[in-house]
Amino acid sequence: MKKLQRKVASLLKTELKELYTITIRGIQIEISIPSTDFETRLGLLLQRIQQIIEAYFPSRQDDLLILIRDTGNRYANTFKIWKS
C-alpha cells in the first residue's frame, strides 16, 4: 500500500501544477489547498484527482484514502478511491 501511495503522491505533485502541498500521513494522502480553492474548486479537484489516478493506475491492489484540507485547517474532505 505504501508503494502505491508514494507513486500516487508523486504523480499528483507533477500533475496538479497549482501550489498545493501533497504529503503522506499514515495511510492517507493529504492535499492542502488554499481556502478559496476549497470553497470554489473542490468538486473539480476531486474529479481531476480521480481521472489522474484512473489514467495512470487503472489496476490498483489497494484502496487509496485522500484527505483534502484548506491551509487554514477550517475545512476538510476525505474520500476513498477503491481498488480495482
N, C-alpha and C. Protein backbone atom coordinates (compact mmCIF):
# COMPACT_ATOMS: atom_id res chain seq x y z
N MET A 1 0.83 -1.20 0.00
CA MET A 1 0.00 0.00 0.00
C MET A 1 0.87 1.26 0.00
N LYS A 2 1.92 1.26 0.82
CA LYS A 2 2.79 2.44 0.89
C LYS A 2 3.41 2.78 -0.46
N LYS A 3 3.77 1.74 -1.22
CA LYS A 3 4.39 1.96 -2.53
C LYS A 3 3.41 2.67 -3.46
N LEU A 4 2.16 2.22 -3.49
CA LEU A 4 1.13 2.86 -4.31
C LEU A 4 0.91 4.30 -3.84
N GLN A 5 0.84 4.51 -2.55
CA GLN A 5 0.65 5.87 -2.02
C GLN A 5 1.77 6.80 -2.48
N ARG A 6 3.01 6.33 -2.38
CA ARG A 6 4.15 7.17 -2.79
C ARG A 6 4.08 7.50 -4.28
N LYS A 7 3.73 6.50 -5.10
CA LYS A 7 3.63 6.74 -6.54
C LYS A 7 2.51 7.73 -6.86
N VAL A 8 1.36 7.57 -6.21
CA VAL A 8 0.23 8.47 -6.45
C VAL A 8 0.56 9.88 -5.97
N ALA A 9 1.16 10.01 -4.79
CA ALA A 9 1.52 11.34 -4.27
C ALA A 9 2.50 12.02 -5.21
N SER A 10 3.48 11.29 -5.69
CA SER A 10 4.45 11.86 -6.63
C SER A 10 3.78 12.30 -7.93
N LEU A 11 2.89 11.46 -8.43
CA LEU A 11 2.15 11.80 -9.65
C LEU A 11 1.30 13.04 -9.46
N LEU A 12 0.59 13.12 -8.34
CA LEU A 12 -0.26 14.28 -8.09
C LEU A 12 0.56 15.56 -7.97
N LYS A 13 1.75 15.47 -7.39
CA LYS A 13 2.63 16.65 -7.32
C LYS A 13 2.99 17.14 -8.72
N THR A 14 3.18 16.20 -9.63
CA THR A 14 3.52 16.55 -11.01
C THR A 14 2.31 17.06 -11.78
N GLU A 15 1.20 16.39 -11.65
CA GLU A 15 0.00 16.70 -12.45
C GLU A 15 -0.76 17.93 -11.95
N LEU A 16 -0.80 18.13 -10.66
CA LEU A 16 -1.50 19.29 -10.10
C LEU A 16 -0.50 20.43 -9.96
N LYS A 17 -0.37 21.19 -10.99
CA LYS A 17 0.67 22.20 -11.04
C LYS A 17 0.38 23.42 -10.16
N GLU A 18 -0.81 23.44 -9.56
CA GLU A 18 -1.14 24.52 -8.65
C GLU A 18 -0.22 24.43 -7.42
N LEU A 19 -0.29 25.39 -6.58
CA LEU A 19 0.57 25.42 -5.40
C LEU A 19 -0.07 24.66 -4.25
N TYR A 20 -0.27 23.38 -4.44
CA TYR A 20 -0.84 22.53 -3.40
C TYR A 20 0.28 21.75 -2.73
N THR A 21 0.14 21.51 -1.44
CA THR A 21 1.10 20.71 -0.70
C THR A 21 0.54 19.30 -0.60
N ILE A 22 1.30 18.33 -1.03
CA ILE A 22 0.86 16.94 -1.04
C ILE A 22 1.83 16.12 -0.19
N THR A 23 1.29 15.46 0.83
CA THR A 23 2.10 14.64 1.73
C THR A 23 1.39 13.32 2.01
N ILE A 24 2.13 12.39 2.56
CA ILE A 24 1.56 11.13 3.01
C ILE A 24 1.59 11.14 4.53
N ARG A 25 0.43 10.91 5.15
CA ARG A 25 0.32 10.86 6.60
C ARG A 25 -0.37 9.55 6.97
N GLY A 26 0.39 8.64 7.55
CA GLY A 26 -0.18 7.35 7.91
C GLY A 26 -0.63 6.60 6.68
N ILE A 27 -1.93 6.32 6.61
CA ILE A 27 -2.46 5.56 5.48
C ILE A 27 -3.14 6.44 4.43
N GLN A 28 -3.02 7.75 4.56
CA GLN A 28 -3.72 8.62 3.63
C GLN A 28 -2.78 9.61 2.95
N ILE A 29 -3.21 10.05 1.78
CA ILE A 29 -2.53 11.13 1.06
C ILE A 29 -3.24 12.40 1.45
N GLU A 30 -2.49 13.40 1.89
CA GLU A 30 -3.09 14.66 2.33
C GLU A 30 -2.71 15.77 1.35
N ILE A 31 -3.73 16.50 0.90
CA ILE A 31 -3.53 17.61 -0.02
C ILE A 31 -4.03 18.88 0.66
N SER A 32 -3.14 19.85 0.82
CA SER A 32 -3.51 21.13 1.41
C SER A 32 -3.67 22.15 0.30
N ILE A 33 -4.83 22.82 0.29
CA ILE A 33 -5.12 23.80 -0.75
C ILE A 33 -5.60 25.10 -0.10
N PRO A 34 -5.48 26.22 -0.80
CA PRO A 34 -5.96 27.48 -0.25
C PRO A 34 -7.48 27.42 0.03
N SER A 35 -7.91 28.15 1.02
CA SER A 35 -9.33 28.15 1.41
C SER A 35 -10.23 28.53 0.25
N THR A 36 -9.82 29.51 -0.56
CA THR A 36 -10.67 29.93 -1.68
C THR A 36 -10.83 28.80 -2.70
N ASP A 37 -9.78 28.02 -2.93
CA ASP A 37 -9.89 26.88 -3.84
C ASP A 37 -10.80 25.82 -3.24
N PHE A 38 -10.71 25.61 -1.94
CA PHE A 38 -11.56 24.62 -1.29
C PHE A 38 -13.03 25.00 -1.46
N GLU A 39 -13.32 26.26 -1.28
CA GLU A 39 -14.71 26.73 -1.35
C GLU A 39 -15.25 26.75 -2.77
N THR A 40 -14.39 26.97 -3.77
CA THR A 40 -14.88 27.17 -5.13
C THR A 40 -14.51 26.07 -6.12
N ARG A 41 -13.45 25.31 -5.85
CA ARG A 41 -12.96 24.36 -6.85
C ARG A 41 -12.88 22.92 -6.34
N LEU A 42 -13.42 22.62 -5.18
CA LEU A 42 -13.27 21.29 -4.60
C LEU A 42 -13.82 20.21 -5.52
N GLY A 43 -15.00 20.40 -6.05
CA GLY A 43 -15.62 19.40 -6.92
C GLY A 43 -14.76 19.10 -8.15
N LEU A 44 -14.24 20.15 -8.77
CA LEU A 44 -13.38 19.97 -9.94
C LEU A 44 -12.08 19.26 -9.57
N LEU A 45 -11.54 19.60 -8.41
CA LEU A 45 -10.31 18.96 -7.95
C LEU A 45 -10.52 17.47 -7.68
N LEU A 46 -11.64 17.13 -7.06
CA LEU A 46 -11.95 15.72 -6.81
C LEU A 46 -12.04 14.93 -8.12
N GLN A 47 -12.72 15.50 -9.11
CA GLN A 47 -12.84 14.86 -10.41
C GLN A 47 -11.47 14.68 -11.07
N ARG A 48 -10.67 15.72 -11.00
CA ARG A 48 -9.35 15.68 -11.62
C ARG A 48 -8.46 14.62 -10.97
N ILE A 49 -8.48 14.53 -9.65
CA ILE A 49 -7.70 13.52 -8.94
C ILE A 49 -8.15 12.13 -9.36
N GLN A 50 -9.45 11.91 -9.40
CA GLN A 50 -10.00 10.60 -9.80
C GLN A 50 -9.54 10.25 -11.22
N GLN A 51 -9.63 11.21 -12.14
CA GLN A 51 -9.23 10.96 -13.53
C GLN A 51 -7.74 10.65 -13.64
N ILE A 52 -6.92 11.38 -12.91
CA ILE A 52 -5.47 11.15 -12.94
C ILE A 52 -5.15 9.75 -12.45
N ILE A 53 -5.73 9.37 -11.33
CA ILE A 53 -5.44 8.05 -10.76
C ILE A 53 -5.95 6.94 -11.67
N GLU A 54 -7.14 7.10 -12.22
CA GLU A 54 -7.68 6.09 -13.14
C GLU A 54 -6.82 5.96 -14.39
N ALA A 55 -6.28 7.08 -14.90
CA ALA A 55 -5.48 7.04 -16.11
C ALA A 55 -4.12 6.37 -15.88
N TYR A 56 -3.48 6.67 -14.77
CA TYR A 56 -2.13 6.17 -14.52
C TYR A 56 -2.09 4.86 -13.72
N PHE A 57 -3.11 4.60 -12.94
CA PHE A 57 -3.17 3.40 -12.11
C PHE A 57 -4.54 2.72 -12.27
N PRO A 58 -4.84 2.22 -13.47
CA PRO A 58 -6.16 1.60 -13.68
C PRO A 58 -6.35 0.31 -12.88
N SER A 59 -5.27 -0.40 -12.59
CA SER A 59 -5.34 -1.62 -11.79
C SER A 59 -4.64 -1.37 -10.46
N ARG A 60 -5.44 -1.28 -9.41
CA ARG A 60 -4.89 -1.00 -8.08
C ARG A 60 -5.19 -2.16 -7.16
N GLN A 61 -4.20 -2.58 -6.39
CA GLN A 61 -4.36 -3.67 -5.44
C GLN A 61 -4.88 -3.18 -4.09
N ASP A 62 -4.78 -1.87 -3.86
CA ASP A 62 -5.19 -1.29 -2.58
C ASP A 62 -6.12 -0.12 -2.80
N ASP A 63 -6.91 0.19 -1.77
CA ASP A 63 -7.72 1.40 -1.77
C ASP A 63 -6.81 2.59 -1.46
N LEU A 64 -7.21 3.76 -1.92
CA LEU A 64 -6.48 4.98 -1.60
C LEU A 64 -7.39 5.90 -0.79
N LEU A 65 -6.87 6.43 0.28
CA LEU A 65 -7.60 7.37 1.12
C LEU A 65 -6.95 8.73 0.94
N ILE A 66 -7.75 9.70 0.51
CA ILE A 66 -7.23 11.03 0.22
C ILE A 66 -7.98 12.06 1.05
N LEU A 67 -7.20 12.89 1.73
CA LEU A 67 -7.75 13.98 2.55
C LEU A 67 -7.36 15.29 1.89
N ILE A 68 -8.37 16.11 1.62
CA ILE A 68 -8.13 17.46 1.10
C ILE A 68 -8.56 18.42 2.19
N ARG A 69 -7.64 19.30 2.57
CA ARG A 69 -7.98 20.30 3.59
C ARG A 69 -7.46 21.66 3.15
N ASP A 70 -8.11 22.69 3.69
CA ASP A 70 -7.64 24.03 3.36
C ASP A 70 -6.45 24.37 4.25
N THR A 71 -5.65 25.32 3.81
CA THR A 71 -4.43 25.66 4.53
C THR A 71 -4.71 26.27 5.90
N GLY A 72 -5.90 26.76 6.12
CA GLY A 72 -6.25 27.32 7.42
C GLY A 72 -6.85 26.29 8.38
N ASN A 73 -6.91 25.03 7.96
CA ASN A 73 -7.48 23.93 8.76
C ASN A 73 -8.92 24.19 9.19
N ARG A 74 -9.66 24.87 8.34
CA ARG A 74 -11.07 25.14 8.63
C ARG A 74 -11.97 24.09 7.98
N TYR A 75 -11.61 23.66 6.78
CA TYR A 75 -12.40 22.69 6.03
C TYR A 75 -11.58 21.44 5.75
N ALA A 76 -12.26 20.31 5.63
CA ALA A 76 -11.59 19.07 5.24
C ALA A 76 -12.60 18.16 4.53
N ASN A 77 -12.11 17.41 3.57
CA ASN A 77 -12.92 16.45 2.85
C ASN A 77 -12.07 15.20 2.64
N THR A 78 -12.57 14.07 3.08
CA THR A 78 -11.87 12.80 2.91
C THR A 78 -12.66 11.94 1.94
N PHE A 79 -11.96 11.32 1.00
CA PHE A 79 -12.65 10.39 0.11
C PHE A 79 -11.73 9.22 -0.20
N LYS A 80 -12.35 8.15 -0.64
CA LYS A 80 -11.63 6.92 -0.92
C LYS A 80 -11.79 6.55 -2.39
N ILE A 81 -10.69 6.10 -2.95
CA ILE A 81 -10.72 5.56 -4.30
C ILE A 81 -10.47 4.06 -4.13
N TRP A 82 -11.45 3.28 -4.51
CA TRP A 82 -11.42 1.85 -4.26
C TRP A 82 -10.44 1.14 -5.19
N LYS A 83 -9.92 0.04 -4.69
CA LYS A 83 -9.04 -0.79 -5.55
C LYS A 83 -9.85 -1.30 -6.72
N SER A 84 -9.15 -1.65 -7.78
CA SER A 84 -9.86 -2.10 -8.99
C SER A 84 -9.50 -3.53 -9.33
